Amino acid sequence: MARVKRGVQKTKRRKNILAQTKGYRFDRKSKERVAREAIFHAGNYAFRHRRTKKREFRNLWSLRINAAARPLGFSYSKLIGALKRSKIALDRKSLSALAKDHPQVFERVLKQLSQ
């Protein structure tokens, strides 16, 4: 039976690992074992923060809506309740965009609610 030498595969794997850690600091970018751990942790953080990002953006949208609605005589909770009662199907993301980028349109939506 022929002898199997693994040098090519090992070099390829090592290069791949070190390529993924390009831009990292200290030993994480140059030593295979430390780099492998760094990749593992980076993946975990990425997974966790993809979920956290959704929460944080929803919170930001509600803050923006509340900040824009208060001067017009609405609180955030009253505004959302009024939207549901009047069956206006605007989600928080689009309401936030209206409040931030098109305040006149946002004001018109609130006037529609108060009628």
PDB file of N, CA and C in Angstrom:
ATOM      1  N   MET A   1       0.836  -1.187   0.000  1.00  0.00           N
ATOM      2  CA  MET A   1       0.000   0.000   0.000  1.00  0.00           C
ATOM      3  C   MET A   1       0.879   1.249   0.000  1.00  0.00           C
ATOM      4  N   ALA A   2       0.391   2.268  -0.691  1.00  0.00           N
ATOM      5  CA  ALA A   2       1.179   3.498  -0.800  1.00  0.00           C
ATOM      6  C   ALA A   2       1.084   4.305   0.494  1.00  0.00           C
ATOM      7  N   ARG A   3       2.122   4.998   0.810  1.00  0.00           N
ATOM      8  CA  ARG A   3       2.180   5.829   2.005  1.00  0.00           C
ATOM      9  C   ARG A   3       1.417   7.129   1.757  1.00  0.00           C
ATOM     10  N   VAL A   4       0.594   7.502   2.721  1.00  0.00           N
ATOM     11  CA  VAL A   4      -0.189   8.734   2.604  1.00  0.00           C
ATOM     12  C   VAL A   4       0.504   9.826   3.401  1.00  0.00           C
ATOM     13  N   LYS A   5       0.805  10.908   2.727  1.00  0.00           N
ATOM     14  CA  LYS A   5       1.425  12.050   3.398  1.00  0.00           C
ATOM     15  C   LYS A   5       0.417  13.200   3.400  1.00  0.00           C
ATOM     16  N   ARG A   6       0.283  13.854   4.546  1.00  0.00           N
ATOM     17  CA  ARG A   6      -0.805  14.829   4.724  1.00  0.00           C
ATOM     18  C   ARG A   6      -0.326  16.276   4.674  1.00  0.00           C
ATOM     19  N   GLY A   7       0.881  16.501   4.211  1.00  0.00           N
ATOM     20  CA  GLY A   7       1.447  17.844   4.258  1.00  0.00           C
ATOM     21  C   GLY A   7       0.637  18.880   3.508  1.00  0.00           C
ATOM     22  N   VAL A   8       0.129  18.511   2.330  1.00  0.00           N
ATOM     23  CA  VAL A   8      -0.618  19.470   1.506  1.00  0.00           C
ATOM     24  C   VAL A   8      -1.923  19.857   2.192  1.00  0.00           C
ATOM     25  N   GLN A   9      -2.660  18.857   2.701  1.00  0.00           N
ATOM     26  CA  GLN A   9      -3.938  19.141   3.363  1.00  0.00           C
ATOM     27  C   GLN A   9      -3.732  19.997   4.612  1.00  0.00           C
ATOM     28  N   LYS A  10      -2.705  19.664   5.366  1.00  0.00           N
ATOM     29  CA  LYS A  10      -2.447  20.419   6.601  1.00  0.00           C
ATOM     30  C   LYS A  10      -2.108  21.872   6.282  1.00  0.00           C
ATOM     31  N   THR A  11      -1.267  22.068   5.263  1.00  0.00           N
ATOM     32  CA  THR A  11      -0.894  23.432   4.880  1.00  0.00           C
ATOM     33  C   THR A  11      -2.113  24.206   4.402  1.00  0.00           C
ATOM     34  N   LYS A  12      -2.967  23.524   3.617  1.00  0.00           N
ATOM     35  CA  LYS A  12      -4.168  24.177   3.085  1.00  0.00           C
ATOM     36  C   LYS A  12      -5.106  24.579   4.229  1.00  0.00           C
ATOM     37  N   ARG A  13      -5.309  23.673   5.181  1.00  0.00           N
ATOM     38  CA  ARG A  13      -6.182  23.962   6.311  1.00  0.00           C
ATOM     39  C   ARG A  13      -5.627  25.131   7.126  1.00  0.00           C
ATOM     40  N   ARG A  14      -4.331  25.108   7.364  1.00  0.00           N
ATOM     41  CA  ARG A  14      -3.691  26.166   8.154  1.00  0.00           C
ATOM     42  C   ARG A  14      -3.819  27.519   7.455  1.00  0.00           C
ATOM     43  N   LYS A  15      -3.594  27.534   6.145  1.00  0.00           N
ATOM     44  CA  LYS A  15      -3.715  28.790   5.390  1.00  0.00           C
ATOM     45  C   LYS A  15      -5.144  29.318   5.442  1.00  0.00           C
ATOM     46  N   ASN A  16      -6.107  28.404   5.366  1.00  0.00           N
ATOM     47  CA  ASN A  16      -7.517  28.795   5.409  1.00  0.00           C
ATOM     48  C   ASN A  16      -7.857  29.416   6.766  1.00  0.00           C
ATOM     49  N   ILE A  17      -7.404  28.782   7.828  1.00  0.00           N
ATOM     50  CA  ILE A  17      -7.666  29.305   9.178  1.00  0.00           C
ATOM     51  C   ILE A  17      -7.032  30.679   9.350  1.00  0.00           C
ATOM     52  N   LEU A  18      -5.786  30.808   8.933  1.00  0.00           N
ATOM     53  CA  LEU A  18      -5.093  32.086   9.102  1.00  0.00           C
ATOM     54  C   LEU A  18      -5.670  33.167   8.186  1.00  0.00           C
ATOM     55  N   ALA A  19      -6.216  32.764   7.036  1.00  0.00           N
ATOM     56  CA  ALA A  19      -6.858  33.742   6.150  1.00  0.00           C
ATOM     57  C   ALA A  19      -8.122  34.296   6.802  1.00  0.00           C
ATOM     58  N   GLN A  20      -8.845  33.442   7.535  1.00  0.00           N
ATOM     59  CA  GLN A  20     -10.069  33.891   8.205  1.00  0.00           C
ATOM     60  C   GLN A  20      -9.778  34.857   9.346  1.00  0.00           C
ATOM     61  N   THR A  21      -8.588  34.764   9.924  1.00  0.00           N
ATOM     62  CA  THR A  21      -8.253  35.638  11.052  1.00  0.00           C
ATOM     63  C   THR A  21      -7.436  36.846  10.618  1.00  0.00           C
ATOM     64  N   LYS A  22      -7.453  37.138   9.346  1.00  0.00           N
ATOM     65  CA  LYS A  22      -6.721  38.307   8.860  1.00  0.00           C
ATOM     66  C   LYS A  22      -7.320  39.567   9.496  1.00  0.00           C
ATOM     67  N   GLY A  23      -6.467  40.424  10.017  1.00  0.00           N
ATOM     68  CA  GLY A  23      -6.945  41.637  10.671  1.00  0.00           C
ATOM     69  C   GLY A  23      -7.080  41.501  12.172  1.00  0.00           C
ATOM     70  N   TYR A  24      -6.944  40.280  12.699  1.00  0.00           N
ATOM     71  CA  TYR A  24      -6.989  40.094  14.143  1.00  0.00           C
ATOM     72  C   TYR A  24      -5.667  40.566  14.744  1.00  0.00           C
ATOM     73  N   ARG A  25      -5.607  40.693  16.056  1.00  0.00           N
ATOM     74  CA  ARG A  25      -4.411  41.207  16.720  1.00  0.00           C
ATOM     75  C   ARG A  25      -3.625  40.090  17.396  1.00  0.00           C
ATOM     76  N   PHE A  26      -2.347  40.339  17.533  1.00  0.00           N
ATOM     77  CA  PHE A  26      -1.433  39.496  18.307  1.00  0.00           C
ATOM     78  C   PHE A  26      -1.376  38.073  17.750  1.00  0.00           C
ATOM     79  N   ASP A  27      -1.377  37.073  18.646  1.00  0.00           N
ATOM     80  CA  ASP A  27      -1.204  35.686  18.202  1.00  0.00           C
ATOM     81  C   ASP A  27      -2.405  35.157  17.432  1.00  0.00           C
ATOM     82  N   ARG A  28      -3.539  35.816  17.564  1.00  0.00           N
ATOM     83  CA  ARG A  28      -4.755  35.325  16.919  1.00  0.00           C
ATOM     84  C   ARG A  28      -4.646  35.315  15.399  1.00  0.00           C
ATOM     85  N   LYS A  29      -3.739  36.101  14.852  1.00  0.00           N
ATOM     86  CA  LYS A  29      -3.617  36.159  13.396  1.00  0.00           C
ATOM     87  C   LYS A  29      -2.499  35.277  12.857  1.00  0.00           C
ATOM     88  N   SER A  30      -1.633  34.747  13.749  1.00  0.00           N
ATOM     89  CA  SER A  30      -0.450  34.063  13.233  1.00  0.00           C
ATOM     90  C   SER A  30      -0.253  32.645  13.757  1.00  0.00           C
ATOM     91  N   LYS A  31      -0.926  32.282  14.827  1.00  0.00           N
ATOM     92  CA  LYS A  31      -0.743  30.941  15.388  1.00  0.00           C
ATOM     93  C   LYS A  31      -2.016  30.134  15.208  1.00  0.00           C
ATOM     94  N   GLU A  32      -1.844  28.964  14.628  1.00  0.00           N
ATOM     95  CA  GLU A  32      -2.994  28.182  14.184  1.00  0.00           C
ATOM     96  C   GLU A  32      -3.963  27.853  15.315  1.00  0.00           C
ATOM     97  N   ARG A  33      -3.461  27.392  16.433  1.00  0.00           N
ATOM     98  CA  ARG A  33      -4.343  26.949  17.513  1.00  0.00           C
ATOM     99  C   ARG A  33      -5.130  28.129  18.089  1.00  0.00           C
ATOM    100  N   VAL A  34      -4.464  29.224  18.311  1.00  0.00           N
ATOM    101  CA  VAL A  34      -5.120  30.421  18.854  1.00  0.00           C
ATOM    102  C   VAL A  34      -6.097  30.981  17.824  1.00  0.00           C
ATOM    103  N   ALA A  35      -5.695  30.939  16.558  1.00  0.00           N
ATOM    104  CA  ALA A  35      -6.550  31.450  15.482  1.00  0.00           C
ATOM    105  C   ALA A  35      -7.829  30.629  15.377  1.00  0.00           C
ATOM    106  N   ARG A  36      -7.710  29.305  15.533  1.00  0.00           N
ATOM    107  CA  ARG A  36      -8.892  28.443  15.450  1.00  0.00           C
ATOM    108  C   ARG A  36      -9.883  28.797  16.553  1.00  0.00           C
ATOM    109  N   GLU A  37      -9.374  29.029  17.751  1.00  0.00           N
ATOM    110  CA  GLU A  37     -10.238  29.438  18.856  1.00  0.00           C
ATOM    111  C   GLU A  37     -10.879  30.789  18.584  1.00  0.00           C
ATOM    112  N   ALA A  38     -10.100  31.699  18.021  1.00  0.00           N
ATOM    113  CA  ALA A  38     -10.619  33.041  17.721  1.00  0.00           C
ATOM    114  C   ALA A  38     -11.759  32.960  16.714  1.00  0.00           C
ATOM    115  N   ILE A  39     -11.612  32.093  15.701  1.00  0.00           N
ATOM    116  CA  ILE A  39     -12.673  31.915  14.701  1.00  0.00           C
ATOM    117  C   ILE A  39     -13.926  31.364  15.370  1.00  0.00           C
ATOM    118  N   PHE A  40     -13.743  30.391  16.246  1.00  0.00           N
ATOM    119  CA  PHE A  40     -14.872  29.782  16.949  1.00  0.00           C
ATOM    120  C   PHE A  40     -15.637  30.830  17.757  1.00  0.00           C
ATOM    121  N   HIS A  41     -14.898  31.633  18.525  1.00  0.00           N
ATOM    122  CA  HIS A  41     -15.556  32.655  19.337  1.00  0.00           C
ATOM    123  C   HIS A  41     -16.199  33.734  18.474  1.00  0.00           C
ATOM    124  N   ALA A  42     -15.534  34.094  17.388  1.00  0.00           N
ATOM    125  CA  ALA A  42     -16.100  35.113  16.493  1.00  0.00           C
ATOM    126  C   ALA A  42     -17.432  34.643  15.931  1.00  0.00           C
ATOM    127  N   GLY A  43     -17.508  33.365  15.584  1.00  0.00           N
ATOM    128  CA  GLY A  43     -18.763  32.806  15.075  1.00  0.00           C
ATOM    129  C   GLY A  43     -19.858  32.853  16.116  1.00  0.00           C
ATOM    130  N   ASN A  44     -19.504  32.531  17.358  1.00  0.00           N
ATOM    131  CA  ASN A  44     -20.491  32.590  18.440  1.00  0.00           C
ATOM    132  C   ASN A  44     -20.990  34.010  18.659  1.00  0.00           C
ATOM    133  N   TYR A  45     -20.065  34.963  18.662  1.00  0.00           N
ATOM    134  CA  TYR A  45     -20.460  36.359  18.854  1.00  0.00           C
ATOM    135  C   TYR A  45     -21.346  36.835  17.700  1.00  0.00           C
ATOM    136  N   ALA A  46     -20.989  36.453  16.486  1.00  0.00           N
ATOM    137  CA  ALA A  46     -21.776  36.864  15.319  1.00  0.00           C
ATOM    138  C   ALA A  46     -23.195  36.323  15.425  1.00  0.00           C
ATOM    139  N   PHE A  47     -23.323  35.053  15.807  1.00  0.00           N
ATOM    140  CA  PHE A  47     -24.638  34.425  15.954  1.00  0.00           C
ATOM    141  C   PHE A  47     -25.458  35.157  17.016  1.00  0.00           C
ATOM    142  N   ARG A  48     -24.832  35.409  18.170  1.00  0.00           N
ATOM    143  CA  ARG A  48     -25.529  36.067  19.270  1.00  0.00           C
ATOM    144  C   ARG A  48     -25.975  37.470  18.874  1.00  0.00           C
ATOM    145  N   HIS A  49     -25.085  38.205  18.217  1.00  0.00           N
ATOM    146  CA  HIS A  49     -25.389  39.602  17.928  1.00  0.00           C
ATOM    147  C   HIS A  49     -26.357  39.775  16.766  1.00  0.00           C
ATOM    148  N   ARG A  50     -26.460  38.764  15.900  1.00  0.00           N
ATOM    149  CA  ARG A  50     -27.508  38.839  14.872  1.00  0.00           C
ATOM    150  C   ARG A  50     -28.879  38.846  15.527  1.00  0.00           C
ATOM    151  N   ARG A  51     -29.016  38.144  16.626  1.00  0.00           N
ATOM    152  CA  ARG A  51     -30.291  38.145  17.343  1.00  0.00           C
ATOM    153  C   ARG A  51     -30.465  39.417  18.173  1.00  0.00           C
ATOM    154  N   THR A  52     -29.402  39.873  18.798  1.00  0.00           N
ATOM    155  CA  THR A  52     -29.468  41.092  19.615  1.00  0.00           C
ATOM    156  C   THR A  52     -29.804  42.306  18.759  1.00  0.00           C
ATOM    157  N   LYS A  53     -29.288  42.311  17.539  1.00  0.00           N
ATOM    158  CA  LYS A  53     -29.514  43.446  16.637  1.00  0.00           C
ATOM    159  C   LYS A  53     -31.004  43.677  16.412  1.00  0.00           C
ATOM    160  N   LYS A  54     -31.778  42.614  16.289  1.00  0.00           N
ATOM    161  CA  LYS A  54     -33.217  42.736  16.065  1.00  0.00           C
ATOM    162  C   LYS A  54     -33.892  43.444  17.239  1.00  0.00           C
ATOM    163  N   ARG A  55     -33.493  43.059  18.458  1.00  0.00           N
ATOM    164  CA  ARG A  55     -34.046  43.705  19.656  1.00  0.00           C
ATOM    165  C   ARG A  55     -33.681  45.176  19.716  1.00  0.00           C
ATOM    166  N   GLU A  56     -32.413  45.451  19.438  1.00  0.00           N
ATOM    167  CA  GLU A  56     -31.928  46.825  19.563  1.00  0.00           C
ATOM    168  C   GLU A  56     -32.580  47.748  18.544  1.00  0.00           C
ATOM    169  N   PHE A  57     -32.792  47.253  17.322  1.00  0.00           N
ATOM    170  CA  PHE A  57     -33.433  48.092  16.315  1.00  0.00           C
ATOM    171  C   PHE A  57     -34.892  48.350  16.656  1.00  0.00           C
ATOM    172  N   ARG A  58     -35.595  47.334  17.159  1.00  0.00           N
ATOM    173  CA  ARG A  58     -36.988  47.549  17.548  1.00  0.00           C
ATOM    174  C   ARG A  58     -37.068  48.601  18.660  1.00  0.00           C
ATOM    175  N   ASN A  59     -36.137  48.559  19.582  1.00  0.00           N
ATOM    176  CA  ASN A  59     -36.072  49.545  20.658  1.00  0.00           C
ATOM    177  C   ASN A  59     -35.804  50.943  20.095  1.00  0.00           C
ATOM    178  N   LEU A  60     -34.879  51.039  19.145  1.00  0.00           N
ATOM    179  CA  LEU A  60     -34.559  52.325  18.516  1.00  0.00           C
ATOM    180  C   LEU A  60     -35.781  52.895  17.796  1.00  0.00           C
ATOM    181  N   TRP A  61     -36.507  52.014  17.072  1.00  0.00           N
ATOM    182  CA  TRP A  61     -37.697  52.482  16.351  1.00  0.00           C
ATOM    183  C   TRP A  61     -38.732  53.043  17.325  1.00  0.00           C
ATOM    184  N   SER A  62     -38.952  52.351  18.441  1.00  0.00           N
ATOM    185  CA  SER A  62     -39.951  52.840  19.393  1.00  0.00           C
ATOM    186  C   SER A  62     -39.509  54.166  20.016  1.00  0.00           C
ATOM    187  N   LEU A  63     -38.210  54.319  20.274  1.00  0.00           N
ATOM    188  CA  LEU A  63     -37.711  55.594  20.797  1.00  0.00           C
ATOM    189  C   LEU A  63     -37.950  56.728  19.810  1.00  0.00           C
ATOM    190  N   ARG A  64     -37.656  56.484  18.547  1.00  0.00           N
ATOM    191  CA  ARG A  64     -37.852  57.517  17.520  1.00  0.00           C
ATOM    192  C   ARG A  64     -39.322  57.894  17.383  1.00  0.00           C
ATOM    193  N   ILE A  65     -40.188  56.886  17.387  1.00  0.00           N
ATOM    194  CA  ILE A  65     -41.627  57.149  17.256  1.00  0.00           C
ATOM    195  C   ILE A  65     -42.102  57.975  18.448  1.00  0.00           C
ATOM    196  N   ASN A  66     -41.691  57.585  19.641  1.00  0.00           N
ATOM    197  CA  ASN A  66     -42.099  58.295  20.853  1.00  0.00           C
ATOM    198  C   ASN A  66     -41.609  59.737  20.832  1.00  0.00           C
ATOM    199  N   ALA A  67     -40.355  59.938  20.426  1.00  0.00           N
ATOM    200  CA  ALA A  67     -39.788  61.290  20.387  1.00  0.00           C
ATOM    201  C   ALA A  67     -40.522  62.171  19.390  1.00  0.00           C
ATOM    202  N   ALA A  68     -40.971  61.588  18.278  1.00  0.00           N
ATOM    203  CA  ALA A  68     -41.682  62.376  17.272  1.00  0.00           C
ATOM    204  C   ALA A  68     -43.145  62.590  17.650  1.00  0.00           C
ATOM    205  N   ALA A  69     -43.731  61.652  18.403  1.00  0.00           N
ATOM    206  CA  ALA A  69     -45.157  61.730  18.722  1.00  0.00           C
ATOM    207  C   ALA A  69     -45.439  62.645  19.912  1.00  0.00           C
ATOM    208  N   ARG A  70     -44.523  62.743  20.851  1.00  0.00           N
ATOM    209  CA  ARG A  70     -44.757  63.542  22.066  1.00  0.00           C
ATOM    210  C   ARG A  70     -45.106  65.001  21.776  1.00  0.00           C
ATOM    211  N   PRO A  71     -44.354  65.700  20.906  1.00  0.00           N
ATOM    212  CA  PRO A  71     -44.729  67.101  20.642  1.00  0.00           C
ATOM    213  C   PRO A  71     -46.106  67.247  19.991  1.00  0.00           C
ATOM    214  N   LEU A  72     -46.613  66.166  19.398  1.00  0.00           N
ATOM    215  CA  LEU A  72     -47.916  66.214  18.736  1.00  0.00           C
ATOM    216  C   LEU A  72     -49.041  65.715  19.643  1.00  0.00           C
ATOM    217  N   GLY A  73     -48.737  65.511  20.926  1.00  0.00           N
ATOM    218  CA  GLY A  73     -49.771  65.164  21.892  1.00  0.00           C
ATOM    219  C   GLY A  73     -50.047  63.681  22.038  1.00  0.00           C
ATOM    220  N   PHE A  74     -49.196  62.835  21.562  1.00  0.00           N
ATOM    221  CA  PHE A  74     -49.363  61.390  21.692  1.00  0.00           C
ATOM    222  C   PHE A  74     -48.184  60.818  22.464  1.00  0.00           C
ATOM    223  N   SER A  75     -48.447  59.798  23.262  1.00  0.00           N
ATOM    224  CA  SER A  75     -47.340  59.002  23.797  1.00  0.00           C
ATOM    225  C   SER A  75     -47.203  57.785  22.883  1.00  0.00           C
ATOM    226  N   TYR A  76     -46.124  57.059  23.035  1.00  0.00           N
ATOM    227  CA  TYR A  76     -45.880  55.903  22.172  1.00  0.00           C
ATOM    228  C   TYR A  76     -46.998  54.870  22.311  1.00  0.00           C
ATOM    229  N   SER A  77     -47.358  54.553  23.545  1.00  0.00           N
ATOM    230  CA  SER A  77     -48.361  53.503  23.762  1.00  0.00           C
ATOM    231  C   SER A  77     -49.734  53.929  23.243  1.00  0.00           C
ATOM    232  N   LYS A  78     -50.089  55.202  23.458  1.00  0.00           N
ATOM    233  CA  LYS A  78     -51.388  55.695  22.955  1.00  0.00           C
ATOM    234  C   LYS A  78     -51.408  55.684  21.428  1.00  0.00           C
ATOM    235  N   LEU A  79     -50.285  56.034  20.826  1.00  0.00           N
ATOM    236  CA  LEU A  79     -50.181  56.043  19.366  1.00  0.00           C
ATOM    237  C   LEU A  79     -50.359  54.641  18.798  1.00  0.00           C
ATOM    238  N   ILE A  80     -49.668  53.662  19.365  1.00  0.00           N
ATOM    239  CA  ILE A  80     -49.762  52.284  18.871  1.00  0.00           C
ATOM    240  C   ILE A  80     -51.182  51.752  19.071  1.00  0.00           C
ATOM    241  N   GLY A  81     -51.778  52.068  20.221  1.00  0.00           N
ATOM    242  CA  GLY A  81     -53.161  51.653  20.470  1.00  0.00           C
ATOM    243  C   GLY A  81     -54.123  52.268  19.473  1.00  0.00           C
ATOM    244  N   ALA A  82     -53.961  53.554  19.193  1.00  0.00           N
ATOM    245  CA  ALA A  82     -54.835  54.241  18.235  1.00  0.00           C
ATOM    246  C   ALA A  82     -54.655  53.680  16.824  1.00  0.00           C
ATOM    247  N   LEU A  83     -53.429  53.360  16.464  1.00  0.00           N
ATOM    248  CA  LEU A  83     -53.174  52.759  15.144  1.00  0.00           C
ATOM    249  C   LEU A  83     -53.896  51.424  15.010  1.00  0.00           C
ATOM    250  N   LYS A  84     -53.873  50.624  16.068  1.00  0.00           N
ATOM    251  CA  LYS A  84     -54.534  49.316  16.025  1.00  0.00           C
ATOM    252  C   LYS A  84     -56.048  49.472  15.951  1.00  0.00           C
ATOM    253  N   ARG A  85     -56.583  50.429  16.742  1.00  0.00           N
ATOM    254  CA  ARG A  85     -58.033  50.653  16.725  1.00  0.00           C
ATOM    255  C   ARG A  85     -58.518  51.128  15.366  1.00  0.00           C
ATOM    256  N   SER A  86     -57.761  52.016  14.730  1.00  0.00           N
ATOM    257  CA  SER A  86     -58.186  52.549  13.433  1.00  0.00           C
ATOM    258  C   SER A  86     -57.747  51.668  12.267  1.00  0.00           C
ATOM    259  N   LYS A  87     -57.151  50.506  12.584  1.00  0.00           N
ATOM    260  CA  LYS A  87     -56.752  49.510  11.579  1.00  0.00           C
ATOM    261  C   LYS A  87     -55.794  50.068  10.526  1.00  0.00           C
ATOM    262  N   ILE A  88     -54.899  50.942  10.967  1.00  0.00           N
ATOM    263  CA  ILE A  88     -53.825  51.427  10.092  1.00  0.00           C
ATOM    264  C   ILE A  88     -52.645  50.483  10.281  1.00  0.00           C
ATOM    265  N   ALA A  89     -52.291  49.778   9.217  1.00  0.00           N
ATOM    266  CA  ALA A  89     -51.275  48.719   9.314  1.00  0.00           C
ATOM    267  C   ALA A  89     -49.891  49.263   8.980  1.00  0.00           C
ATOM    268  N   LEU A  90     -49.372  50.095   9.862  1.00  0.00           N
ATOM    269  CA  LEU A  90     -47.993  50.578   9.714  1.00  0.00           C
ATOM    270  C   LEU A  90     -47.157  49.932  10.810  1.00  0.00           C
ATOM    271  N   ASP A  91     -46.092  49.274  10.424  1.00  0.00           N
ATOM    272  CA  ASP A  91     -45.236  48.667  11.443  1.00  0.00           C
ATOM    273  C   ASP A  91     -44.309  49.721  12.044  1.00  0.00           C
ATOM    274  N   ARG A  92     -43.608  49.326  13.091  1.00  0.00           N
ATOM    275  CA  ARG A  92     -42.764  50.270  13.818  1.00  0.00           C
ATOM    276  C   ARG A  92     -41.597  50.763  12.976  1.00  0.00           C
ATOM    277  N   LYS A  93     -41.091  49.898  12.116  1.00  0.00           N
ATOM    278  CA  LYS A  93     -39.957  50.284  11.275  1.00  0.00           C
ATOM    279  C   LYS A  93     -40.358  51.401  10.312  1.00  0.00           C
ATOM    280  N   SER A  94     -41.497  51.244   9.646  1.00  0.00           N
ATOM    281  CA  SER A  94     -41.919  52.268   8.685  1.00  0.00           C
ATOM    282  C   SER A  94     -42.373  53.543   9.398  1.00  0.00           C
ATOM    283  N   LEU A  95     -43.010  53.405  10.553  1.00  0.00           N
ATOM    284  CA  LEU A  95     -43.389  54.591  11.332  1.00  0.00           C
ATOM    285  C   LEU A  95     -42.154  55.379  11.759  1.00  0.00           C
ATOM    286  N   SER A  96     -41.124  54.658  12.164  1.00  0.00           N
ATOM    287  CA  SER A  96     -39.874  55.302  12.564  1.00  0.00           C
ATOM    288  C   SER A  96     -39.239  56.034  11.391  1.00  0.00           C
ATOM    289  N   ALA A  97     -39.263  55.399  10.223  1.00  0.00           N
ATOM    290  CA  ALA A  97     -38.701  56.032   9.025  1.00  0.00           C
ATOM    291  C   ALA A  97     -39.481  57.294   8.675  1.00  0.00           C
ATOM    292  N   LEU A  98     -40.816  57.232   8.799  1.00  0.00           N
ATOM    293  CA  LEU A  98     -41.642  58.423   8.544  1.00  0.00           C
ATOM    294  C   LEU A  98     -41.293  59.537   9.535  1.00  0.00           C
ATOM    295  N   ALA A  99     -41.202  59.178  10.805  1.00  0.00           N
ATOM    296  CA  ALA A  99     -40.918  60.177  11.837  1.00  0.00           C
ATOM    297  C   ALA A  99     -39.556  60.827  11.617  1.00  0.00           C
ATOM    298  N   LYS A 100     -38.594  60.037  11.174  1.00  0.00           N
ATOM    299  CA  LYS A 100     -37.235  60.545  11.025  1.00  0.00           C
ATOM    300  C   LYS A 100     -37.044  61.315   9.724  1.00  0.00           C
ATOM    301  N   ASP A 101     -37.533  60.752   8.612  1.00  0.00           N
ATOM    302  CA  ASP A 101     -37.233  61.313   7.291  1.00  0.00           C
ATOM    303  C   ASP A 101     -38.340  62.198   6.723  1.00  0.00           C
ATOM    304  N   HIS A 102     -39.605  61.931   7.106  1.00  0.00           N
ATOM    305  CA  HIS A 102     -40.742  62.687   6.555  1.00  0.00           C
ATOM    306  C   HIS A 102     -41.684  63.098   7.691  1.00  0.00           C
ATOM    307  N   PRO A 103     -41.283  64.073   8.493  1.00  0.00           N
ATOM    308  CA  PRO A 103     -42.106  64.436   9.654  1.00  0.00           C
ATOM    309  C   PRO A 103     -43.495  64.973   9.289  1.00  0.00           C
ATOM    310  N   GLN A 104     -43.619  65.610   8.108  1.00  0.00           N
ATOM    311  CA  GLN A 104     -44.943  66.119   7.716  1.00  0.00           C
ATOM    312  C   GLN A 104     -45.916  64.966   7.476  1.00  0.00           C
ATOM    313  N   VAL A 105     -45.444  63.916   6.834  1.00  0.00           N
ATOM    314  CA  VAL A 105     -46.293  62.740   6.576  1.00  0.00           C
ATOM    315  C   VAL A 105     -46.659  62.078   7.903  1.00  0.00           C
ATOM    316  N   PHE A 106     -45.698  61.983   8.803  1.00  0.00           N
ATOM    317  CA  PHE A 106     -45.952  61.407  10.129  1.00  0.00           C
ATOM    318  C   PHE A 106     -47.022  62.211  10.860  1.00  0.00           C
ATOM    319  N   GLU A 107     -46.939  63.529  10.743  1.00  0.00           N
ATOM    320  CA  GLU A 107     -47.934  64.393  11.389  1.00  0.00           C
ATOM    321  C   GLU A 107     -49.324  64.165  10.795  1.00  0.00           C
ATOM    322  N   ARG A 108     -49.374  63.970   9.464  1.00  0.00           N
ATOM    323  CA  ARG A 108     -50.662  63.702   8.817  1.00  0.00           C
ATOM    324  C   ARG A 108     -51.263  62.380   9.288  1.00  0.00           C
ATOM    325  N   VAL A 109     -50.413  61.392   9.497  1.00  0.00           N
ATOM    326  CA  VAL A 109     -50.897  60.098  10.005  1.00  0.00           C
ATOM    327  C   VAL A 109     -51.493  60.289  11.393  1.00  0.00           C
ATOM    328  N   LEU A 110     -50.846  61.085  12.235  1.00  0.00           N
ATOM    329  CA  LEU A 110     -51.368  61.322  13.583  1.00  0.00           C
ATOM    330  C   LEU A 110     -52.667  62.116  13.552  1.00  0.00           C
ATOM    331  N   LYS A 111     -52.782  63.067  12.620  1.00  0.00           N
ATOM    332  CA  LYS A 111     -54.034  63.823  12.491  1.00  0.00           C
ATOM    333  C   LYS A 111     -55.174  62.909  12.061  1.00  0.00           C
ATOM    334  N   GLN A 112     -54.856  61.943  11.216  1.00  0.00           N
ATOM    335  CA  GLN A 112     -55.845  60.946  10.776  1.00  0.00           C
ATOM    336  C   GLN A 112     -56.353  60.151  11.986  1.00  0.00           C
ATOM    337  N   LEU A 113     -55.475  59.889  12.930  1.00  0.00           N
ATOM    338  CA  LEU A 113     -55.856  59.128  14.120  1.00  0.00           C
ATOM    339  C   LEU A 113     -56.749  59.940  15.042  1.00  0.00           C
ATOM    340  N   SER A 114     -56.487  61.232  15.159  1.00  0.00           N
ATOM    341  CA  SER A 114     -57.244  62.049  16.106  1.00  0.00           C
ATOM    342  C   SER A 114     -58.641  62.399  15.599  1.00  0.00           C
ATOM    343  N   GLN A 115     -58.930  62.119  14.339  1.00  0.00           N
ATOM    344  CA  GLN A 115     -60.275  62.402  13.805  1.00  0.00           C
ATOM    345  C   GLN A 115     -61.252  61.302  14.146  1.00  0.00           C
TER     346      GLN A 115
END
